[in-house]
Amino acid sequence: KIHTTYSFGLDDQEFVVAFESDSVADFLDLVQ
């Protein structure tokens, strides 16, 4: 599950993304 939040004008980045997962391997495969 992805949680995308926005930082335009608030911090140095434009977004902060946080992914909840049951598996480390699945997240690695998704990012690849």
PDB file of all heavy atoms in Angstrom:
ATOM      1  N   LYS A   1       0.849  -1.193   0.000  1.00  0.00           N
ATOM      2  CA  LYS A   1       0.000   0.000   0.000  1.00  0.00           C
ATOM      3  C   LYS A   1       0.884   1.242   0.000  1.00  0.00           C
ATOM      4  O   LYS A   1       1.773   1.380   0.836  1.00  0.00           O
ATOM      5  CB  LYS A   1      -0.917   0.030   1.218  1.00  0.00           C
ATOM      6  CG  LYS A   1      -1.799   1.280   1.258  1.00  0.00           C
ATOM      7  CD  LYS A   1      -2.771   1.276   2.416  1.00  0.00           C
ATOM      8  CE  LYS A   1      -3.627   2.531   2.392  1.00  0.00           C
ATOM      9  NZ  LYS A   1      -4.620   2.549   3.506  1.00  0.00           N
ATOM     10  N   ILE A   2       0.608   2.157  -0.921  1.00  0.00           N
ATOM     11  CA  ILE A   2       1.404   3.380  -1.021  1.00  0.00           C
ATOM     12  C   ILE A   2       0.683   4.549  -0.361  1.00  0.00           C
ATOM     13  O   ILE A   2      -0.529   4.690  -0.476  1.00  0.00           O
ATOM     14  CB  ILE A   2       1.722   3.716  -2.499  1.00  0.00           C
ATOM     15  CG1 ILE A   2       2.616   4.962  -2.577  1.00  0.00           C
ATOM     16  CG2 ILE A   2       0.440   3.902  -3.296  1.00  0.00           C
ATOM     17  CD1 ILE A   2       3.111   5.278  -3.972  1.00  0.00           C
ATOM     18  N   HIS A   3       1.456   5.362   0.348  1.00  0.00           N
ATOM     19  CA  HIS A   3       0.971   6.630   0.901  1.00  0.00           C
ATOM     20  C   HIS A   3       1.832   7.728   0.270  1.00  0.00           C
ATOM     21  O   HIS A   3       3.028   7.836   0.572  1.00  0.00           O
ATOM     22  CB  HIS A   3       1.134   6.662   2.423  1.00  0.00           C
ATOM     23  CG  HIS A   3       0.427   5.546   3.135  1.00  0.00           C
ATOM     24  ND1 HIS A   3      -0.893   5.621   3.522  1.00  0.00           N
ATOM     25  CD2 HIS A   3       0.873   4.325   3.534  1.00  0.00           C
ATOM     26  CE1 HIS A   3      -1.240   4.506   4.128  1.00  0.00           C
ATOM     27  NE2 HIS A   3      -0.186   3.696   4.149  1.00  0.00           N
ATOM     28  N   THR A   4       1.254   8.500  -0.615  1.00  0.00           N
ATOM     29  CA  THR A   4       1.986   9.592  -1.250  1.00  0.00           C
ATOM     30  C   THR A   4       1.562  10.906  -0.611  1.00  0.00           C
ATOM     31  O   THR A   4       0.375  11.234  -0.581  1.00  0.00           O
ATOM     32  CB  THR A   4       1.705   9.659  -2.757  1.00  0.00           C
ATOM     33  OG1 THR A   4       2.087   8.413  -3.363  1.00  0.00           O
ATOM     34  CG2 THR A   4       2.486  10.793  -3.409  1.00  0.00           C
ATOM     35  N   THR A   5       2.530  11.643  -0.084  1.00  0.00           N
ATOM     36  CA  THR A   5       2.249  12.965   0.478  1.00  0.00           C
ATOM     37  C   THR A   5       3.119  13.998  -0.231  1.00  0.00           C
ATOM     38  O   THR A   5       4.132  13.661  -0.843  1.00  0.00           O
ATOM     39  CB  THR A   5       2.491  12.981   1.994  1.00  0.00           C
ATOM     40  OG1 THR A   5       3.797  12.447   2.292  1.00  0.00           O
ATOM     41  CG2 THR A   5       1.444  12.154   2.721  1.00  0.00           C
ATOM     42  N   TYR A   6       2.719  15.253  -0.142  1.00  0.00           N
ATOM     43  CA  TYR A   6       3.275  16.308  -0.986  1.00  0.00           C
ATOM     44  C   TYR A   6       4.037  17.332  -0.145  1.00  0.00           C
ATOM     45  O   TYR A   6       3.588  17.740   0.922  1.00  0.00           O
ATOM     46  CB  TYR A   6       2.146  16.999  -1.752  1.00  0.00           C
ATOM     47  CG  TYR A   6       1.407  16.066  -2.682  1.00  0.00           C
ATOM     48  CD1 TYR A   6       0.536  15.088  -2.185  1.00  0.00           C
ATOM     49  CD2 TYR A   6       1.589  16.131  -4.062  1.00  0.00           C
ATOM     50  CE1 TYR A   6      -0.131  14.215  -3.032  1.00  0.00           C
ATOM     51  CE2 TYR A   6       0.921  15.268  -4.919  1.00  0.00           C
ATOM     52  CZ  TYR A   6       0.061  14.315  -4.403  1.00  0.00           C
ATOM     53  OH  TYR A   6      -0.586  13.458  -5.231  1.00  0.00           O
ATOM     54  N   SER A   7       5.183  17.784  -0.692  1.00  0.00           N
ATOM     55  CA  SER A   7       6.058  18.700   0.039  1.00  0.00           C
ATOM     56  C   SER A   7       6.359  19.997  -0.698  1.00  0.00           C
ATOM     57  O   SER A   7       7.230  20.748  -0.279  1.00  0.00           O
ATOM     58  CB  SER A   7       7.391  18.006   0.366  1.00  0.00           C
ATOM     59  OG  SER A   7       7.203  16.886   1.192  1.00  0.00           O
ATOM     60  N   PHE A   8       5.679  20.280  -1.795  1.00  0.00           N
ATOM     61  CA  PHE A   8       5.968  21.484  -2.574  1.00  0.00           C
ATOM     62  C   PHE A   8       5.949  22.727  -1.683  1.00  0.00           C
ATOM     63  O   PHE A   8       4.933  23.056  -1.079  1.00  0.00           O
ATOM     64  CB  PHE A   8       4.940  21.653  -3.697  1.00  0.00           C
ATOM     65  CG  PHE A   8       5.006  20.600  -4.757  1.00  0.00           C
ATOM     66  CD1 PHE A   8       4.159  19.499  -4.725  1.00  0.00           C
ATOM     67  CD2 PHE A   8       5.924  20.701  -5.790  1.00  0.00           C
ATOM     68  CE1 PHE A   8       4.218  18.527  -5.707  1.00  0.00           C
ATOM     69  CE2 PHE A   8       5.994  19.727  -6.784  1.00  0.00           C
ATOM     70  CZ  PHE A   8       5.140  18.643  -6.736  1.00  0.00           C
ATOM     71  N   GLY A   9       7.086  23.396  -1.593  1.00  0.00           N
ATOM     72  CA  GLY A   9       7.174  24.607  -0.795  1.00  0.00           C
ATOM     73  C   GLY A   9       7.274  24.382   0.696  1.00  0.00           C
ATOM     74  O   GLY A   9       7.479  25.335   1.456  1.00  0.00           O
ATOM     75  N   LEU A  10       7.130  23.135   1.164  1.00  0.00           N
ATOM     76  CA  LEU A  10       7.173  22.843   2.594  1.00  0.00           C
ATOM     77  C   LEU A  10       8.521  22.296   3.046  1.00  0.00           C
ATOM     78  O   LEU A  10       8.929  22.505   4.183  1.00  0.00           O
ATOM     79  CB  LEU A  10       6.075  21.827   2.962  1.00  0.00           C
ATOM     80  CG  LEU A  10       4.629  22.195   2.601  1.00  0.00           C
ATOM     81  CD1 LEU A  10       3.683  21.102   3.094  1.00  0.00           C
ATOM     82  CD2 LEU A  10       4.247  23.544   3.177  1.00  0.00           C
ATOM     83  N   ASP A  11       9.191  21.559   2.148  1.00  0.00           N
ATOM     84  CA  ASP A  11      10.458  20.915   2.510  1.00  0.00           C
ATOM     85  C   ASP A  11      11.296  20.788   1.247  1.00  0.00           C
ATOM     86  O   ASP A  11      10.888  21.226   0.167  1.00  0.00           O
ATOM     87  CB  ASP A  11      10.184  19.544   3.138  1.00  0.00           C
ATOM     88  CG  ASP A  11      11.277  19.103   4.105  1.00  0.00           C
ATOM     89  OD1 ASP A  11      12.416  19.615   3.998  1.00  0.00           O
ATOM     90  OD2 ASP A  11      11.009  18.236   4.953  1.00  0.00           O
ATOM     91  N   ASP A  12      12.465  20.174   1.358  1.00  0.00           N
ATOM     92  CA  ASP A  12      13.400  20.133   0.235  1.00  0.00           C
ATOM     93  C   ASP A  12      12.949  19.231  -0.900  1.00  0.00           C
ATOM     94  O   ASP A  12      13.354  19.427  -2.038  1.00  0.00           O
ATOM     95  CB  ASP A  12      14.784  19.673   0.725  1.00  0.00           C
ATOM     96  CG  ASP A  12      15.413  20.669   1.683  1.00  0.00           C
ATOM     97  OD1 ASP A  12      14.983  21.831   1.692  1.00  0.00           O
ATOM     98  OD2 ASP A  12      16.322  20.273   2.429  1.00  0.00           O
ATOM     99  N   GLN A  13      12.150  18.204  -0.610  1.00  0.00           N
ATOM    100  CA  GLN A  13      11.669  17.297  -1.640  1.00  0.00           C
ATOM    101  C   GLN A  13      10.302  17.770  -2.153  1.00  0.00           C
ATOM    102  O   GLN A  13       9.715  18.713  -1.616  1.00  0.00           O
ATOM    103  CB  GLN A  13      11.559  15.874  -1.101  1.00  0.00           C
ATOM    104  CG  GLN A  13      10.523  15.701   0.002  1.00  0.00           C
ATOM    105  CD  GLN A  13      10.999  16.142   1.362  1.00  0.00           C
ATOM    106  OE1 GLN A  13      12.197  16.183   1.613  1.00  0.00           O
ATOM    107  NE2 GLN A  13      10.066  16.447   2.256  1.00  0.00           N
ATOM    108  N   GLU A  14       9.811  17.110  -3.199  1.00  0.00           N
ATOM    109  CA  GLU A  14       8.481  17.415  -3.737  1.00  0.00           C
ATOM    110  C   GLU A  14       7.421  16.466  -3.195  1.00  0.00           C
ATOM    111  O   GLU A  14       6.260  16.854  -3.038  1.00  0.00           O
ATOM    112  CB  GLU A  14       8.506  17.337  -5.272  1.00  0.00           C
ATOM    113  CG  GLU A  14       9.385  18.421  -5.895  1.00  0.00           C
ATOM    114  CD  GLU A  14       9.525  18.271  -7.401  1.00  0.00           C
ATOM    115  OE1 GLU A  14       9.111  17.217  -7.950  1.00  0.00           O
ATOM    116  OE2 GLU A  14      10.050  19.200  -8.033  1.00  0.00           O
ATOM    117  N   PHE A  15       7.821  15.226  -2.934  1.00  0.00           N
ATOM    118  CA  PHE A  15       6.919  14.221  -2.384  1.00  0.00           C
ATOM    119  C   PHE A  15       7.663  13.430  -1.311  1.00  0.00           C
ATOM    120  O   PHE A  15       8.887  13.365  -1.307  1.00  0.00           O
ATOM    121  CB  PHE A  15       6.464  13.208  -3.453  1.00  0.00           C
ATOM    122  CG  PHE A  15       5.956  13.818  -4.729  1.00  0.00           C
ATOM    123  CD1 PHE A  15       6.835  14.109  -5.772  1.00  0.00           C
ATOM    124  CD2 PHE A  15       4.611  14.086  -4.910  1.00  0.00           C
ATOM    125  CE1 PHE A  15       6.376  14.659  -6.964  1.00  0.00           C
ATOM    126  CE2 PHE A  15       4.145  14.635  -6.092  1.00  0.00           C
ATOM    127  CZ  PHE A  15       5.030  14.934  -7.118  1.00  0.00           C
ATOM    128  N   VAL A  16       6.889  12.813  -0.431  1.00  0.00           N
ATOM    129  CA  VAL A  16       7.414  11.747   0.421  1.00  0.00           C
ATOM    130  C   VAL A  16       6.525  10.544   0.169  1.00  0.00           C
ATOM    131  O   VAL A  16       5.295  10.639   0.264  1.00  0.00           O
ATOM    132  CB  VAL A  16       7.394  12.107   1.912  1.00  0.00           C
ATOM    133  CG1 VAL A  16       8.005  10.967   2.731  1.00  0.00           C
ATOM    134  CG2 VAL A  16       8.145  13.410   2.175  1.00  0.00           C
ATOM    135  N   VAL A  17       7.130   9.433  -0.201  1.00  0.00           N
ATOM    136  CA  VAL A  17       6.355   8.219  -0.450  1.00  0.00           C
ATOM    137  C   VAL A  17       6.684   7.198   0.622  1.00  0.00           C
ATOM    138  O   VAL A  17       7.843   7.016   1.011  1.00  0.00           O
ATOM    139  CB  VAL A  17       6.621   7.643  -1.855  1.00  0.00           C
ATOM    140  CG1 VAL A  17       5.945   8.500  -2.904  1.00  0.00           C
ATOM    141  CG2 VAL A  17       8.102   7.533  -2.148  1.00  0.00           C
ATOM    142  N   ALA A  18       5.644   6.557   1.118  1.00  0.00           N
ATOM    143  CA  ALA A  18       5.795   5.535   2.153  1.00  0.00           C
ATOM    144  C   ALA A  18       4.990   4.314   1.717  1.00  0.00           C
ATOM    145  O   ALA A  18       3.803   4.426   1.422  1.00  0.00           O
ATOM    146  CB  ALA A  18       5.303   6.055   3.489  1.00  0.00           C
ATOM    147  N   PHE A  19       5.646   3.175   1.651  1.00  0.00           N
ATOM    148  CA  PHE A  19       5.011   1.944   1.193  1.00  0.00           C
ATOM    149  C   PHE A  19       4.901   0.973   2.369  1.00  0.00           C
ATOM    150  O   PHE A  19       5.923   0.577   2.934  1.00  0.00           O
ATOM    151  CB  PHE A  19       5.822   1.276   0.091  1.00  0.00           C
ATOM    152  CG  PHE A  19       5.945   2.071  -1.182  1.00  0.00           C
ATOM    153  CD1 PHE A  19       6.883   3.096  -1.292  1.00  0.00           C
ATOM    154  CD2 PHE A  19       5.146   1.791  -2.280  1.00  0.00           C
ATOM    155  CE1 PHE A  19       7.019   3.832  -2.463  1.00  0.00           C
ATOM    156  CE2 PHE A  19       5.283   2.507  -3.464  1.00  0.00           C
ATOM    157  CZ  PHE A  19       6.208   3.534  -3.555  1.00  0.00           C
ATOM    158  N   GLU A  20       3.699   0.579   2.715  1.00  0.00           N
ATOM    159  CA  GLU A  20       3.509  -0.492   3.682  1.00  0.00           C
ATOM    160  C   GLU A  20       3.520  -1.822   2.929  1.00  0.00           C
ATOM    161  O   GLU A  20       2.915  -1.942   1.860  1.00  0.00           O
ATOM    162  CB  GLU A  20       2.168  -0.351   4.395  1.00  0.00           C
ATOM    163  CG  GLU A  20       2.079   0.822   5.348  1.00  0.00           C
ATOM    164  CD  GLU A  20       0.765   0.792   6.110  1.00  0.00           C
ATOM    165  OE1 GLU A  20       0.716   0.134   7.167  1.00  0.00           O
ATOM    166  OE2 GLU A  20      -0.207   1.409   5.621  1.00  0.00           O
ATOM    167  N   SER A  21       4.180  -2.819   3.500  1.00  0.00           N
ATOM    168  CA  SER A  21       4.280  -4.107   2.807  1.00  0.00           C
ATOM    169  C   SER A  21       4.400  -5.256   3.793  1.00  0.00           C
ATOM    170  O   SER A  21       4.859  -5.081   4.925  1.00  0.00           O
ATOM    171  CB  SER A  21       5.492  -4.106   1.871  1.00  0.00           C
ATOM    172  OG  SER A  21       5.624  -5.347   1.205  1.00  0.00           O
ATOM    173  N   ASP A  22       3.979  -6.442   3.332  1.00  0.00           N
ATOM    174  CA  ASP A  22       4.158  -7.670   4.109  1.00  0.00           C
ATOM    175  C   ASP A  22       5.471  -8.352   3.764  1.00  0.00           C
ATOM    176  O   ASP A  22       5.851  -9.321   4.412  1.00  0.00           O
ATOM    177  CB  ASP A  22       3.009  -8.649   3.828  1.00  0.00           C
ATOM    178  CG  ASP A  22       1.662  -8.096   4.252  1.00  0.00           C
ATOM    179  OD1 ASP A  22       1.556  -7.628   5.398  1.00  0.00           O
ATOM    180  OD2 ASP A  22       0.726  -8.117   3.435  1.00  0.00           O
ATOM    181  N   SER A  23       6.143  -7.851   2.713  1.00  0.00           N
ATOM    182  CA  SER A  23       7.321  -8.556   2.203  1.00  0.00           C
ATOM    183  C   SER A  23       8.391  -7.570   1.751  1.00  0.00           C
ATOM    184  O   SER A  23       8.112  -6.665   0.964  1.00  0.00           O
ATOM    185  CB  SER A  23       6.924  -9.463   1.034  1.00  0.00           C
ATOM    186  OG  SER A  23       8.045  -9.926   0.324  1.00  0.00           O
ATOM    187  N   VAL A  24       9.610  -7.763   2.225  1.00  0.00           N
ATOM    188  CA  VAL A  24      10.736  -6.960   1.763  1.00  0.00           C
ATOM    189  C   VAL A  24      11.046  -7.292   0.310  1.00  0.00           C
ATOM    190  O   VAL A  24      11.303  -6.405  -0.514  1.00  0.00           O
ATOM    191  CB  VAL A  24      11.979  -7.217   2.645  1.00  0.00           C
ATOM    192  CG1 VAL A  24      13.197  -6.489   2.093  1.00  0.00           C
ATOM    193  CG2 VAL A  24      11.714  -6.785   4.086  1.00  0.00           C
ATOM    194  N   ALA A  25      10.990  -8.568  -0.031  1.00  0.00           N
ATOM    195  CA  ALA A  25      11.318  -9.009  -1.396  1.00  0.00           C
ATOM    196  C   ALA A  25      10.351  -8.420  -2.421  1.00  0.00           C
ATOM    197  O   ALA A  25      10.766  -8.006  -3.505  1.00  0.00           O
ATOM    198  CB  ALA A  25      11.311 -10.531  -1.471  1.00  0.00           C
ATOM    199  N   ASP A  26       9.063  -8.384  -2.091  1.00  0.00           N
ATOM    200  CA  ASP A  26       8.084  -7.839  -3.025  1.00  0.00           C
ATOM    201  C   ASP A  26       8.343  -6.371  -3.309  1.00  0.00           C
ATOM    202  O   ASP A  26       8.211  -5.902  -4.453  1.00  0.00           O
ATOM    203  CB  ASP A  26       6.667  -8.010  -2.484  1.00  0.00           C
ATOM    204  CG  ASP A  26       6.142  -9.431  -2.664  1.00  0.00           C
ATOM    205  OD1 ASP A  26       6.846 -10.238  -3.299  1.00  0.00           O
ATOM    206  OD2 ASP A  26       5.042  -9.718  -2.156  1.00  0.00           O
ATOM    207  N   PHE A  27       8.717  -5.629  -2.270  1.00  0.00           N
ATOM    208  CA  PHE A  27       8.984  -4.207  -2.497  1.00  0.00           C
ATOM    209  C   PHE A  27      10.220  -4.017  -3.363  1.00  0.00           C
ATOM    210  O   PHE A  27      10.242  -3.168  -4.254  1.00  0.00           O
ATOM    211  CB  PHE A  27       9.161  -3.469  -1.162  1.00  0.00           C
ATOM    212  CG  PHE A  27       9.373  -1.994  -1.357  1.00  0.00           C
ATOM    213  CD1 PHE A  27       8.342  -1.174  -1.783  1.00  0.00           C
ATOM    214  CD2 PHE A  27      10.627  -1.423  -1.130  1.00  0.00           C
ATOM    215  CE1 PHE A  27       8.543   0.190  -1.992  1.00  0.00           C
ATOM    216  CE2 PHE A  27      10.829  -0.066  -1.330  1.00  0.00           C
ATOM    217  CZ  PHE A  27       9.793   0.742  -1.759  1.00  0.00           C
ATOM    218  N   LEU A  28      11.263  -4.808  -3.124  1.00  0.00           N
ATOM    219  CA  LEU A  28      12.460  -4.734  -3.969  1.00  0.00           C
ATOM    220  C   LEU A  28      12.091  -4.990  -5.430  1.00  0.00           C
ATOM    221  O   LEU A  28      12.529  -4.263  -6.329  1.00  0.00           O
ATOM    222  CB  LEU A  28      13.489  -5.750  -3.481  1.00  0.00           C
ATOM    223  CG  LEU A  28      14.846  -5.761  -4.197  1.00  0.00           C
ATOM    224  CD1 LEU A  28      15.944  -6.211  -3.252  1.00  0.00           C
ATOM    225  CD2 LEU A  28      14.833  -6.681  -5.428  1.00  0.00           C
ATOM    226  N   ASP A  29      11.281  -6.019  -5.679  1.00  0.00           N
ATOM    227  CA  ASP A  29      10.898  -6.344  -7.058  1.00  0.00           C
ATOM    228  C   ASP A  29      10.075  -5.224  -7.683  1.00  0.00           C
ATOM    229  O   ASP A  29      10.248  -4.904  -8.871  1.00  0.00           O
ATOM    230  CB  ASP A  29      10.103  -7.649  -7.082  1.00  0.00           C
ATOM    231  CG  ASP A  29      10.943  -8.855  -6.686  1.00  0.00           C
ATOM    232  OD1 ASP A  29      12.191  -8.742  -6.725  1.00  0.00           O
ATOM    233  OD2 ASP A  29      10.365  -9.904  -6.335  1.00  0.00           O
ATOM    234  N   LEU A  30       9.180  -4.628  -6.915  1.00  0.00           N
ATOM    235  CA  LEU A  30       8.354  -3.535  -7.435  1.00  0.00           C
ATOM    236  C   LEU A  30       9.211  -2.342  -7.841  1.00  0.00           C
ATOM    237  O   LEU A  30       9.042  -1.788  -8.935  1.00  0.00           O
ATOM    238  CB  LEU A  30       7.332  -3.101  -6.387  1.00  0.00           C
ATOM    239  CG  LEU A  30       6.523  -1.833  -6.709  1.00  0.00           C
ATOM    240  CD1 LEU A  30       5.718  -2.015  -7.983  1.00  0.00           C
ATOM    241  CD2 LEU A  30       5.619  -1.468  -5.544  1.00  0.00           C
ATOM    242  N   VAL A  31      10.147  -1.957  -6.987  1.00  0.00           N
ATOM    243  CA  VAL A  31      11.001  -0.809  -7.298  1.00  0.00           C
ATOM    244  C   VAL A  31      11.863  -1.086  -8.519  1.00  0.00           C
ATOM    245  O   VAL A  31      12.057  -0.219  -9.371  1.00  0.00           O
ATOM    246  CB  VAL A  31      11.874  -0.431  -6.081  1.00  0.00           C
ATOM    247  CG1 VAL A  31      12.877   0.652  -6.455  1.00  0.00           C
ATOM    248  CG2 VAL A  31      10.993   0.052  -4.938  1.00  0.00           C
ATOM    249  N   GLN A  32      12.372  -2.319  -8.620  1.00  0.00           N
ATOM    250  CA  GLN A  32      13.183  -2.665  -9.792  1.00  0.00           C
ATOM    251  C   GLN A  32      12.359  -2.563 -11.074  1.00  0.00           C
ATOM    252  O   GLN A  32      12.833  -2.045 -12.091  1.00  0.00           O
ATOM    253  CB  GLN A  32      13.741  -4.082  -9.644  1.00  0.00           C
ATOM    254  CG  GLN A  32      14.668  -4.468 -10.800  1.00  0.00           C
ATOM    255  CD  GLN A  32      15.280  -5.852 -10.629  1.00  0.00           C
ATOM    256  OE1 GLN A  32      14.932  -6.575  -9.690  1.00  0.00           O
ATOM    257  NE2 GLN A  32      16.175  -6.218 -11.506  1.00  0.00           N
TER     258      GLN A  32
END
